[in-house]
Amino acid sequence: MKMAFPCAGSSPTNHLTKHMFRNSILAIGFGLATTASAQFDGFALYNLSNNTTARLINASQQIAYTWTCPTNFSYAMALKPNGNLVRSAVNSGNQINTAAVSGRVQELNPQGQVVWDFIYSTADYVTHHDICLMPNGNVLLLAYVKKTVAELQALGYTGASAKYPGRIIEIQPTGSTAQVVWQWEMLDRFIQYADAAKPNYMPIAENPHRMNINVSVSGGAGPGGIDWFHENGIDYNEELDQIVFSARYLSEIFIIDHSTTTAEATGHTGGNGGRGGDFLFRWGKPANYGVSGTQRITAAVHDPKWVKGGAMDGWISFFNNSGGSGNSSVVDAINPAMDGFNYPWTPGTVWGPNTYDFRHQCLANASGQSAAELMPNGNVFCAVSQQYMYEVNSSNQLVWQYNAGPQKGFRYTCDHPGIITLLNDPCGITTEVLTEEAAVSFGMFPNPANQQVSLVGVEVETLRAYVVLDASGRTVRRQLPDWTIDVSTLPDGVYTIVLEHSTGDRQSRKLVVAH
């Protein structure tokens, strides 16, 4: 294991106020101007590939926080509820060097100090492109795995060059590093219909849950196209316990079952979906599984993710680089039908839906890694690589723009616990009194909290009970009067604490829980 390098974190805009975010006029590029009333009430997080600095940009296009490291960032990172940053980094000792290789992932605290440092890089495998921070603090990573032509030909491969099939690993932080706790292999999905004497000989069109080892791909980087399918984006759905990932050279997105054990993921049974590590769903290019149908992802695809909140909650969005008219870039979303944990498929047909259920025509085009997010208020956030980041509202009006074109950008609203922790509640979330029914306000300490919260300034003579509401307004705890509130078992998030008085008055404040 190599030494961890410390990074420096800083916040140059501690004077930010709630007024700045919700009422300021934004000076937008290209001579445009619009207001923040369309709710860009948060931050964009980004870094430039092979650069040492990551930045949080606020609604007024100001740098609100930076992390500067002596080692280069790779493409992806994520902000934790406690304000820490998990980032992929370029490992200086990589022996495999092809598209977007990283080889390293780290967690940094708000002061830029390394919490843990994990290297996954040998002569046989290396991480690359995207990462996904899971709710339990674990991290999903994409990896290239080197296989010789002889190894692949033994499985029925008809090509004549070595390749890098994909791997997905889940790592769990432990002490100053991390360990692999789950693994999935594309190699275990291969079938072929070229040589009956070799393994997994079966008709391709009858087995779309598997991968044709001789599938025709639209690209291939490195000598002999060794970067085979070019998996480049990953996301996780905790409710379904499923993973979605994209593959550029296959022009497809895939869903696999994460509820399996690693052993089950090598096979074809087990897990919530009952299919082991086989694909539960795939979409974009029916020809890849031997079925006639319209190719909806015409070339490159990036950044698949489940939509969280709003009218499209639970849909899957992705950046379709050339899917629009004239090969323009679009953000598409689909809402595939489900039966339990599975996605129904009729033999001989295209895996539905037949076309996209939502489409945003991007304001700029990109052929490479880019990112997008469909937000609960109906807005669309885009980070168009080599161009710029922007946000449009549900009427497709530009409401925010920042003239940096990172490979990926990440959107965080003001009520994200990490933002509140990192920038001392810049939007006034935790200090805002939600009701005016009581004449006397109250306070809570600490806020954010991870164990217990003490109530301050409470009219105890009239206090009848307190109620804890989650972000959806659901009651998660109701308790008789006490000076403290135990939040140790609550998941990370923003909650509302409501004090009920015998006089009929109610007082409310926001509380951030961040473990």
Protein backbone atom coordinates (compact mmCIF):
# COMPACT_ATOMS: atom_id res chain seq x y z
CA MET A 1 0.00 0.00 0.00
CA LYS A 2 1.28 3.43 -0.92
CA MET A 3 1.41 6.42 1.36
CA ALA A 4 -1.68 8.64 1.54
CA PHE A 5 -1.17 12.25 0.52
CA PRO A 6 -2.93 14.98 2.52
CA CYS A 7 -5.08 17.53 0.73
CA ALA A 8 -6.06 21.04 1.68
CA GLY A 9 -9.70 22.07 2.02
CA SER A 10 -10.86 25.67 2.18
CA SER A 11 -14.04 27.73 2.12
CA PRO A 12 -13.54 31.21 0.60
CA THR A 13 -17.18 32.24 0.88
CA ASN A 14 -18.21 31.78 4.50
CA HIS A 15 -20.29 34.94 4.23
CA LEU A 16 -22.89 33.23 2.03
CA THR A 17 -26.46 33.89 3.06
CA LYS A 18 -29.89 32.50 2.39
CA HIS A 19 -30.73 35.72 0.53
CA MET A 20 -27.87 35.16 -1.91
CA PHE A 21 -29.20 31.78 -2.93
CA ARG A 22 -32.91 32.49 -3.29
CA ASN A 23 -33.16 36.08 -4.42
CA SER A 24 -29.98 37.01 -6.28
CA ILE A 25 -29.80 37.74 -9.98
CA LEU A 26 -27.43 35.35 -11.71
CA ALA A 27 -25.15 36.70 -14.41
CA ILE A 28 -25.31 33.87 -16.93
CA GLY A 29 -22.82 33.30 -19.76
CA PHE A 30 -23.43 34.21 -23.40
CA GLY A 31 -25.00 37.51 -22.36
CA LEU A 32 -28.03 35.88 -20.70
CA ALA A 33 -29.39 36.69 -17.26
CA THR A 34 -32.05 34.99 -15.16
CA THR A 35 -33.13 34.72 -11.53
CA ALA A 36 -32.58 32.06 -8.92
CA SER A 37 -36.34 31.82 -8.31
CA ALA A 38 -36.38 28.65 -10.44
CA GLN A 39 -34.55 27.05 -7.50
CA PHE A 40 -30.92 26.53 -8.08
CA ASP A 41 -30.69 26.56 -4.31
CA GLY A 42 -27.49 24.62 -3.92
CA PHE A 43 -24.12 23.73 -5.36
CA ALA A 44 -22.35 22.01 -8.23
CA LEU A 45 -19.32 19.89 -7.34
CA TYR A 46 -16.72 19.23 -10.01
CA ASN A 47 -13.08 18.74 -10.86
CA LEU A 48 -11.20 18.68 -14.14
CA SER A 49 -9.64 15.34 -15.03
CA ASN A 50 -5.91 15.07 -14.28
CA ASN A 51 -6.21 18.18 -12.14
CA THR A 52 -5.51 18.53 -8.42
CA THR A 53 -8.43 20.79 -7.43
CA ALA A 54 -12.13 20.10 -6.79
CA ARG A 55 -14.60 22.94 -6.39
CA LEU A 56 -18.08 23.59 -5.02
CA ILE A 57 -19.83 26.31 -7.04
CA ASN A 58 -22.85 28.12 -5.59
CA ALA A 59 -25.93 29.60 -7.25
CA SER A 60 -24.14 32.89 -7.82
CA GLN A 61 -21.27 31.20 -9.66
CA GLN A 62 -18.89 31.73 -6.75
CA ILE A 63 -16.44 29.12 -5.47
CA ALA A 64 -17.80 28.16 -2.07
CA TYR A 65 -15.27 25.46 -1.20
CA THR A 66 -12.17 23.87 -2.70
CA TRP A 67 -10.03 20.78 -2.15
CA THR A 68 -6.47 20.96 -3.49
CA CYS A 69 -4.37 17.79 -3.55
CA PRO A 70 -0.84 16.97 -4.68
CA THR A 71 -2.20 13.98 -6.65
CA ASN A 72 -4.57 14.24 -9.61
CA PHE A 73 -8.28 13.63 -9.39
CA SER A 74 -9.86 11.22 -11.85
CA TYR A 75 -13.46 11.68 -13.09
CA ALA A 76 -15.72 10.94 -10.14
CA MET A 77 -16.32 11.98 -6.55
CA ALA A 78 -19.15 12.27 -4.04
CA LEU A 79 -19.96 14.35 -0.97
CA LYS A 80 -20.82 12.37 2.16
CA PRO A 81 -23.47 13.50 4.69
CA ASN A 82 -20.71 14.30 7.20
CA GLY A 83 -19.03 16.71 4.76
CA ASN A 84 -16.25 14.35 3.72
CA LEU A 85 -15.31 13.90 0.06
CA VAL A 86 -14.88 10.48 -1.55
CA ARG A 87 -12.86 10.76 -4.74
CA SER A 88 -11.29 8.60 -7.43
CA ALA A 89 -7.65 9.50 -8.01
CA VAL A 90 -4.98 8.69 -10.56
CA ASN A 91 -2.54 6.20 -9.07
CA SER A 92 1.00 6.91 -10.20
CA GLY A 93 1.96 3.23 -10.37
CA ASN A 94 -0.71 1.93 -12.75
CA GLN A 95 0.51 -0.88 -15.00
CA ILE A 96 -2.64 -0.83 -17.13
CA ASN A 97 -3.06 2.46 -18.95
CA THR A 98 -6.10 2.99 -21.14
CA ALA A 99 -9.21 5.18 -21.05
CA ALA A 100 -9.90 7.04 -17.77
CA VAL A 101 -7.76 4.77 -15.60
CA SER A 102 -7.66 5.76 -11.93
CA GLY A 103 -6.54 2.88 -9.70
CA ARG A 104 -7.15 4.69 -6.44
CA VAL A 105 -10.01 5.95 -4.25
CA GLN A 106 -9.77 8.07 -1.11
CA GLU A 107 -11.94 9.73 1.50
CA LEU A 108 -10.95 13.23 2.62
CA ASN A 109 -12.36 15.08 5.61
CA PRO A 110 -13.46 18.75 5.33
CA GLN A 111 -9.93 19.84 6.27
CA GLY A 112 -8.54 17.83 3.37
CA GLN A 113 -6.91 15.11 5.48
CA VAL A 114 -7.01 11.56 4.13
CA VAL A 115 -9.38 9.36 6.16
CA TRP A 116 -8.67 6.19 4.17
CA ASP A 117 -6.82 5.37 0.97
CA PHE A 118 -7.39 2.29 -1.24
CA ILE A 119 -5.42 1.24 -4.32
CA TYR A 120 -6.87 -1.32 -6.75
CA SER A 121 -4.22 -1.57 -9.44
CA THR A 122 -2.01 -4.46 -10.58
CA ALA A 123 -0.81 -5.87 -13.88
CA ASP A 124 -4.15 -7.70 -14.12
CA TYR A 125 -6.77 -5.14 -13.08
CA VAL A 126 -7.32 -1.44 -12.39
CA THR A 127 -10.26 0.83 -11.53
CA HIS A 128 -11.45 3.45 -13.98
CA HIS A 129 -14.12 6.06 -14.83
CA ASP A 130 -16.91 6.21 -12.24
CA ILE A 131 -17.54 5.49 -8.56
CA CYS A 132 -20.79 5.28 -6.59
CA LEU A 133 -21.05 6.14 -2.90
CA MET A 134 -23.55 3.79 -1.26
CA PRO A 135 -25.84 4.79 1.64
CA ASN A 136 -23.92 2.50 4.02
CA GLY A 137 -20.64 4.30 3.26
CA ASN A 138 -19.28 1.58 0.97
CA VAL A 139 -18.17 2.48 -2.56
CA LEU A 140 -18.87 0.77 -5.90
CA LEU A 141 -16.05 0.85 -8.45
CA LEU A 142 -15.66 -0.11 -12.11
CA ALA A 143 -12.51 -2.03 -13.09
CA TYR A 144 -10.77 -3.31 -16.19
CA VAL A 145 -9.66 -6.96 -15.96
CA LYS A 146 -6.95 -8.22 -18.31
CA LYS A 147 -7.65 -11.48 -20.15
CA THR A 148 -5.43 -13.09 -22.76
CA VAL A 149 -6.75 -14.08 -26.17
CA ALA A 150 -6.19 -17.74 -25.26
CA GLU A 151 -8.36 -17.42 -22.14
CA LEU A 152 -11.16 -15.82 -24.14
CA GLN A 153 -10.93 -18.21 -27.07
CA ALA A 154 -11.35 -21.09 -24.64
CA LEU A 155 -14.80 -19.59 -23.91
CA GLY A 156 -15.77 -19.43 -27.59
CA TYR A 157 -14.37 -16.03 -28.49
CA THR A 158 -13.63 -15.80 -32.23
CA GLY A 159 -11.42 -12.70 -32.04
CA ALA A 160 -7.64 -12.63 -32.17
CA SER A 161 -6.60 -10.10 -29.51
CA ALA A 162 -6.56 -9.80 -25.74
CA LYS A 163 -9.38 -7.85 -24.09
CA TYR A 164 -10.36 -6.20 -20.81
CA PRO A 165 -13.79 -7.49 -19.66
CA GLY A 166 -15.43 -5.40 -16.96
CA ARG A 167 -15.61 -5.96 -13.21
CA ILE A 168 -17.61 -4.21 -10.49
CA ILE A 169 -16.37 -4.27 -6.91
CA GLU A 170 -17.81 -2.96 -3.66
CA ILE A 171 -15.28 -1.80 -1.12
CA GLN A 172 -15.84 -1.21 2.59
CA PRO A 173 -13.66 1.30 4.44
CA THR A 174 -11.75 -0.28 7.29
CA GLY A 175 -9.25 1.74 9.27
CA SER A 176 -6.88 3.64 6.99
CA THR A 177 -7.77 1.62 3.87
CA ALA A 178 -10.66 -0.48 2.50
CA GLN A 179 -11.41 -4.05 1.53
CA VAL A 180 -13.39 -5.70 -1.28
CA VAL A 181 -16.64 -7.14 0.11
CA TRP A 182 -18.56 -7.92 -3.11
CA GLN A 183 -17.67 -8.54 -6.74
CA TRP A 184 -19.37 -9.04 -10.13
CA GLU A 185 -17.68 -10.11 -13.40
CA MET A 186 -18.70 -9.61 -17.03
CA LEU A 187 -16.63 -12.71 -17.74
CA ASP A 188 -19.25 -14.82 -15.94
CA ARG A 189 -21.98 -13.58 -18.27
CA PHE A 190 -20.45 -14.76 -21.54
CA ILE A 191 -22.29 -17.10 -23.90
CA GLN A 192 -21.46 -17.99 -27.50
CA TYR A 193 -23.11 -19.61 -30.53
CA ALA A 194 -19.98 -20.28 -32.54
CA ASP A 195 -18.55 -23.57 -31.24
CA ALA A 196 -20.70 -26.30 -29.71
CA ALA A 197 -17.63 -27.88 -28.16
CA LYS A 198 -16.93 -24.85 -25.99
CA PRO A 199 -18.71 -23.62 -22.84
CA ASN A 200 -22.06 -21.81 -22.69
CA TYR A 201 -23.09 -22.63 -26.27
CA MET A 202 -26.64 -21.28 -26.57
CA PRO A 203 -28.77 -19.12 -28.92
CA ILE A 204 -28.09 -15.46 -28.27
CA ALA A 205 -31.63 -14.17 -28.86
CA GLU A 206 -33.07 -16.65 -26.37
CA ASN A 207 -30.71 -15.59 -23.59
CA PRO A 208 -30.59 -11.78 -23.35
CA HIS A 209 -29.74 -11.97 -19.64
CA ARG A 210 -26.26 -13.06 -20.75
CA MET A 211 -23.60 -11.40 -22.96
CA ASN A 212 -22.63 -12.64 -26.43
CA ILE A 213 -18.83 -12.95 -26.21
CA ASN A 214 -18.69 -12.21 -29.95
CA VAL A 215 -20.99 -9.18 -29.85
CA SER A 216 -20.16 -6.45 -32.35
CA VAL A 217 -19.00 -3.29 -30.54
CA SER A 218 -18.96 0.26 -31.87
CA GLY A 219 -15.44 1.14 -30.72
CA GLY A 220 -12.50 -0.12 -28.73
CA ALA A 221 -9.62 1.86 -27.27
CA GLY A 222 -6.03 0.74 -26.95
CA PRO A 223 -4.08 -1.76 -29.07
CA GLY A 224 -6.47 -4.16 -30.76
CA GLY A 225 -9.42 -2.48 -29.03
CA ILE A 226 -8.33 -3.99 -25.70
CA ASP A 227 -10.75 -1.66 -23.84
CA TRP A 228 -13.63 -3.90 -24.83
CA PHE A 229 -17.04 -2.63 -23.68
CA HIS A 230 -15.89 0.56 -21.94
CA GLU A 231 -18.17 0.50 -18.89
CA ASN A 232 -18.16 4.12 -17.73
CA GLY A 233 -21.01 4.96 -15.32
CA ILE A 234 -22.56 3.33 -12.26
CA ASP A 235 -25.35 3.99 -9.75
CA TYR A 236 -27.05 2.11 -6.91
CA ASN A 237 -30.69 1.78 -5.84
CA GLU A 238 -30.91 0.94 -2.15
CA GLU A 239 -34.63 0.14 -2.20
CA LEU A 240 -34.22 -2.44 -5.00
CA ASP A 241 -30.65 -3.40 -4.03
CA GLN A 242 -29.73 -3.15 -7.71
CA ILE A 243 -26.90 -1.59 -9.73
CA VAL A 244 -27.21 0.18 -13.08
CA PHE A 245 -24.17 0.71 -15.30
CA SER A 246 -23.49 1.96 -18.81
CA ALA A 247 -21.19 0.61 -21.53
CA ARG A 248 -20.13 3.08 -24.22
CA TYR A 249 -19.03 0.62 -26.90
CA LEU A 250 -22.16 -1.50 -26.43
CA SER A 251 -24.47 1.56 -26.52
CA GLU A 252 -26.44 0.05 -23.64
CA ILE A 253 -27.32 0.39 -19.98
CA PHE A 254 -27.62 -2.68 -17.76
CA ILE A 255 -29.17 -3.52 -14.38
CA ILE A 256 -27.75 -6.27 -12.18
CA ASP A 257 -28.74 -7.66 -8.78
CA HIS A 258 -26.64 -6.54 -5.84
CA SER A 259 -28.55 -8.67 -3.31
CA THR A 260 -26.52 -11.71 -4.37
CA THR A 261 -23.45 -12.97 -2.61
CA THR A 262 -20.22 -12.79 -4.59
CA ALA A 263 -20.53 -16.53 -5.19
CA GLU A 264 -24.11 -16.14 -6.46
CA ALA A 265 -22.98 -13.27 -8.70
CA THR A 266 -20.75 -15.70 -10.60
CA GLY A 267 -23.76 -17.86 -11.46
CA HIS A 268 -27.30 -17.58 -12.73
CA THR A 269 -29.51 -18.18 -9.68
CA GLY A 270 -29.94 -16.45 -6.33
CA GLY A 271 -30.59 -12.89 -5.20
CA ASN A 272 -33.89 -11.01 -5.06
CA GLY A 273 -34.34 -11.37 -8.82
CA GLY A 274 -33.48 -15.07 -8.82
CA ARG A 275 -30.97 -14.68 -11.65
CA GLY A 276 -27.68 -14.52 -9.79
CA GLY A 277 -25.29 -12.19 -11.62
CA ASP A 278 -27.15 -12.21 -14.93
CA PHE A 279 -28.63 -9.02 -16.33
CA LEU A 280 -32.04 -8.16 -14.92
CA PHE A 281 -32.50 -5.53 -17.61
CA ARG A 282 -30.71 -3.98 -20.56
CA TRP A 283 -31.69 -1.16 -22.90
CA GLY A 284 -30.35 0.77 -25.87
CA LYS A 285 -29.28 -1.64 -28.65
CA PRO A 286 -31.44 -4.75 -29.20
CA ALA A 287 -29.01 -6.13 -31.81
CA ASN A 288 -26.59 -6.88 -28.97
CA TYR A 289 -28.89 -9.70 -27.84
CA GLY A 290 -29.91 -10.79 -31.32
CA VAL A 291 -33.32 -9.10 -31.57
CA SER A 292 -34.49 -6.71 -34.28
CA GLY A 293 -35.52 -3.29 -33.03
CA THR A 294 -34.70 0.39 -33.07
CA GLN A 295 -31.39 1.30 -31.51
CA ARG A 296 -32.26 4.09 -29.06
CA ILE A 297 -28.73 4.71 -27.80
CA THR A 298 -27.04 5.31 -31.11
CA ALA A 299 -23.43 5.63 -29.93
CA ALA A 300 -21.84 6.66 -26.64
CA VAL A 301 -23.78 6.65 -23.36
CA HIS A 302 -22.74 7.91 -19.92
CA ASP A 303 -23.89 8.56 -16.34
CA PRO A 304 -26.90 6.28 -15.77
CA LYS A 305 -28.70 6.90 -12.50
CA TRP A 306 -32.02 6.37 -10.78
CA VAL A 307 -34.06 9.56 -10.46
CA LYS A 308 -34.63 10.46 -6.82
CA GLY A 309 -37.86 12.32 -6.02
CA GLY A 310 -40.35 14.25 -8.12
CA ALA A 311 -42.73 13.03 -10.80
CA MET A 312 -40.08 10.70 -12.30
CA ASP A 313 -38.97 9.14 -9.04
CA GLY A 314 -37.54 5.67 -9.70
CA TRP A 315 -36.98 6.21 -13.44
CA ILE A 316 -33.53 5.76 -14.96
CA SER A 317 -31.82 8.71 -16.66
CA PHE A 318 -28.64 8.77 -18.74
CA PHE A 319 -26.59 11.05 -20.97
CA ASN A 320 -27.22 9.88 -24.55
CA ASN A 321 -24.31 11.52 -26.38
CA SER A 322 -25.61 11.22 -29.95
CA GLY A 323 -29.23 10.19 -29.43
CA GLY A 324 -30.90 13.41 -30.61
CA SER A 325 -31.65 14.84 -34.00
CA GLY A 326 -28.51 15.26 -36.08
CA ASN A 327 -26.56 13.16 -33.56
CA SER A 328 -27.00 15.84 -30.91
CA SER A 329 -26.63 15.14 -27.19
CA VAL A 330 -29.75 14.52 -25.10
CA VAL A 331 -30.61 13.45 -21.58
CA ASP A 332 -33.07 10.58 -21.76
CA ALA A 333 -35.08 8.84 -19.02
CA ILE A 334 -37.00 5.58 -19.15
CA ASN A 335 -39.51 4.00 -16.80
CA PRO A 336 -39.18 0.24 -17.36
CA ALA A 337 -41.98 -2.06 -16.24
CA MET A 338 -41.24 -4.21 -13.21
CA ASP A 339 -42.57 -7.45 -11.76
CA GLY A 340 -41.22 -7.67 -8.23
CA PHE A 341 -37.46 -7.31 -8.60
CA ASN A 342 -37.49 -8.31 -12.27
CA TYR A 343 -38.10 -6.52 -15.57
CA PRO A 344 -40.42 -8.57 -17.81
CA TRP A 345 -39.18 -9.53 -21.27
CA THR A 346 -41.08 -11.32 -24.02
CA PRO A 347 -38.87 -13.62 -26.15
CA GLY A 348 -38.20 -12.26 -29.61
CA THR A 349 -39.05 -8.67 -28.65
CA VAL A 350 -37.18 -5.56 -27.56
CA TRP A 351 -36.82 -5.01 -23.83
CA GLY A 352 -39.22 -2.15 -23.17
CA PRO A 353 -40.02 0.64 -23.16
CA ASN A 354 -39.79 0.92 -26.93
CA THR A 355 -38.52 4.49 -26.68
CA TYR A 356 -37.57 7.07 -24.08
CA ASP A 357 -40.23 8.34 -21.66
CA PHE A 358 -38.55 11.73 -21.17
CA ARG A 359 -36.02 13.68 -23.20
CA HIS A 360 -34.10 16.90 -22.64
CA GLN A 361 -32.35 18.37 -25.67
CA CYS A 362 -28.97 19.48 -24.37
CA LEU A 363 -27.83 23.07 -24.95
CA ALA A 364 -24.42 21.78 -26.10
CA ASN A 365 -23.04 18.53 -27.46
CA ALA A 366 -20.37 16.17 -26.17
CA SER A 367 -18.91 12.97 -27.55
CA GLY A 368 -17.31 11.92 -24.28
CA GLN A 369 -17.95 11.55 -20.57
CA SER A 370 -20.68 13.90 -19.36
CA ALA A 371 -23.26 13.93 -16.58
CA ALA A 372 -26.86 14.90 -15.92
CA GLU A 373 -29.42 14.81 -13.14
CA LEU A 374 -33.22 15.08 -13.15
CA MET A 375 -34.11 16.90 -9.96
CA PRO A 376 -37.27 16.62 -7.83
CA ASN A 377 -38.49 20.11 -8.80
CA GLY A 378 -38.51 19.19 -12.51
CA ASN A 379 -35.22 20.93 -13.35
CA VAL A 380 -32.46 19.28 -15.38
CA PHE A 381 -28.79 19.70 -14.46
CA CYS A 382 -26.15 18.97 -17.11
CA ALA A 383 -22.37 18.88 -17.10
CA VAL A 384 -21.44 18.77 -20.79
CA SER A 385 -17.79 17.78 -21.03
CA GLN A 386 -15.48 20.25 -22.76
CA GLN A 387 -18.39 22.75 -22.78
CA TYR A 388 -20.07 23.97 -19.57
CA MET A 389 -22.45 23.10 -16.73
CA TYR A 390 -26.00 24.41 -16.70
CA GLU A 391 -29.49 23.93 -15.31
CA VAL A 392 -32.86 24.44 -16.99
CA ASN A 393 -36.28 24.51 -15.35
CA SER A 394 -39.31 22.42 -16.32
CA SER A 395 -40.10 24.96 -19.06
CA ASN A 396 -36.60 24.43 -20.49
CA GLN A 397 -35.53 27.95 -19.49
CA LEU A 398 -31.90 28.42 -18.53
CA VAL A 399 -31.67 29.22 -14.80
CA TRP A 400 -27.98 28.63 -14.08
CA GLN A 401 -24.74 28.21 -15.97
CA TYR A 402 -21.06 27.91 -15.11
CA ASN A 403 -18.44 28.02 -17.82
CA ALA A 404 -16.37 24.99 -16.88
CA GLY A 405 -16.71 21.74 -18.82
CA PRO A 406 -15.72 18.88 -16.51
CA GLN A 407 -16.15 15.24 -17.51
CA LYS A 408 -18.64 14.87 -14.66
CA GLY A 409 -20.48 17.31 -12.40
CA PHE A 410 -22.52 16.60 -9.29
CA ARG A 411 -25.51 18.54 -8.00
CA TYR A 412 -26.17 19.07 -4.26
CA THR A 413 -29.12 21.05 -2.95
CA CYS A 414 -28.93 23.26 0.13
CA ASP A 415 -30.60 20.69 2.37
CA HIS A 416 -27.93 18.04 1.72
CA PRO A 417 -26.39 17.25 5.14
CA GLY A 418 -22.88 17.43 3.71
CA ILE A 419 -23.45 20.95 2.42
CA ILE A 420 -24.88 22.07 5.76
CA THR A 421 -21.96 20.53 7.64
CA LEU A 422 -19.28 21.77 5.27
CA LEU A 423 -20.44 25.37 4.85
CA ASN A 424 -22.13 26.04 8.19
CA ASP A 425 -25.67 25.90 6.79
CA PRO A 426 -25.23 28.51 3.99
CA CYS A 427 -28.91 28.56 3.05
CA GLY A 428 -30.36 28.85 6.54
CA ILE A 429 -31.89 25.37 6.57
CA THR A 430 -31.30 24.46 10.21
CA THR A 431 -31.99 27.90 11.66
CA GLU A 432 -35.25 28.53 9.83
CA VAL A 433 -38.36 28.46 12.06
CA LEU A 434 -41.07 26.68 10.09
CA THR A 435 -44.08 27.86 12.06
CA GLU A 436 -44.89 31.14 13.75
CA GLU A 437 -47.47 29.76 16.16
CA ALA A 438 -45.31 30.00 19.27
CA ALA A 439 -44.05 33.32 20.55
CA VAL A 440 -40.80 31.87 21.88
CA SER A 441 -38.40 30.00 19.63
CA PHE A 442 -36.01 27.25 20.68
CA GLY A 443 -32.61 25.94 19.74
CA MET A 444 -30.91 22.57 19.33
CA PHE A 445 -27.31 21.63 19.97
CA PRO A 446 -25.38 20.21 18.20
CA ASN A 447 -26.79 20.61 14.71
CA PRO A 448 -25.73 18.64 12.65
CA ALA A 449 -25.75 15.75 15.11
CA ASN A 450 -24.99 12.05 15.15
CA GLN A 451 -25.81 10.88 18.70
CA GLN A 452 -27.95 13.13 20.89
CA VAL A 453 -29.44 16.62 20.52
CA SER A 454 -30.10 18.92 23.44
CA LEU A 455 -33.07 21.30 23.39
CA VAL A 456 -32.40 24.90 24.42
CA GLY A 457 -34.87 27.66 25.29
CA VAL A 458 -37.96 25.43 25.56
CA GLU A 459 -41.09 26.41 27.54
CA VAL A 460 -40.96 23.15 29.50
CA GLU A 461 -44.08 23.91 31.56
CA THR A 462 -46.30 23.64 28.49
CA LEU A 463 -44.30 21.11 26.46
CA ARG A 464 -46.41 18.03 25.79
CA ALA A 465 -44.27 16.01 23.34
CA TYR A 466 -41.88 16.29 20.46
CA VAL A 467 -42.20 14.69 17.02
CA VAL A 468 -39.45 13.88 14.53
CA LEU A 469 -40.46 14.05 10.85
CA ASP A 470 -38.35 12.81 7.95
CA ALA A 471 -37.88 14.68 4.66
CA SER A 472 -41.18 13.31 3.29
CA GLY A 473 -43.14 14.51 6.36
CA ARG A 474 -43.53 11.02 7.83
CA THR A 475 -43.36 10.68 11.63
CA VAL A 476 -40.31 8.59 12.53
CA ARG A 477 -40.35 9.25 16.27
CA ARG A 478 -42.77 10.64 18.85
CA GLN A 479 -41.71 11.01 22.47
CA LEU A 480 -42.83 12.51 25.76
CA PRO A 481 -41.07 15.69 26.92
CA ASP A 482 -37.33 15.41 27.43
CA TRP A 483 -34.33 17.69 27.19
CA THR A 484 -32.54 15.42 24.75
CA ILE A 485 -33.39 13.64 21.50
CA ASP A 486 -31.62 10.41 20.56
CA VAL A 487 -30.77 10.43 16.84
CA SER A 488 -28.12 7.70 16.88
CA THR A 489 -30.32 5.22 15.00
CA LEU A 490 -31.75 7.65 12.44
CA PRO A 491 -30.38 7.46 8.88
CA ASP A 492 -28.40 10.45 7.62
CA GLY A 493 -30.66 13.21 6.33
CA VAL A 494 -32.59 16.38 7.10
CA TYR A 495 -35.39 16.09 9.68
CA THR A 496 -37.97 18.43 11.19
CA ILE A 497 -38.27 18.55 15.00
CA VAL A 498 -41.75 19.63 16.07
CA LEU A 499 -42.47 20.64 19.68
CA GLU A 500 -46.13 20.28 20.70
CA HIS A 501 -47.42 22.38 23.59
CA SER A 502 -50.48 21.91 25.77
CA THR A 503 -51.57 25.41 24.68
CA GLY A 504 -51.94 24.15 21.12
CA ASP A 505 -48.80 25.96 19.93
CA ARG A 506 -46.25 24.13 17.76
CA GLN A 507 -42.63 25.07 17.14
CA SER A 508 -40.46 23.56 14.41
CA ARG A 509 -36.84 23.56 13.36
CA LYS A 510 -34.73 21.60 10.91
CA LEU A 511 -32.14 19.12 12.17
CA VAL A 512 -29.39 17.49 10.14
CA VAL A 513 -28.31 13.97 11.10
CA ALA A 514 -24.86 13.07 9.74
CA HIS A 515 -22.95 10.10 11.17
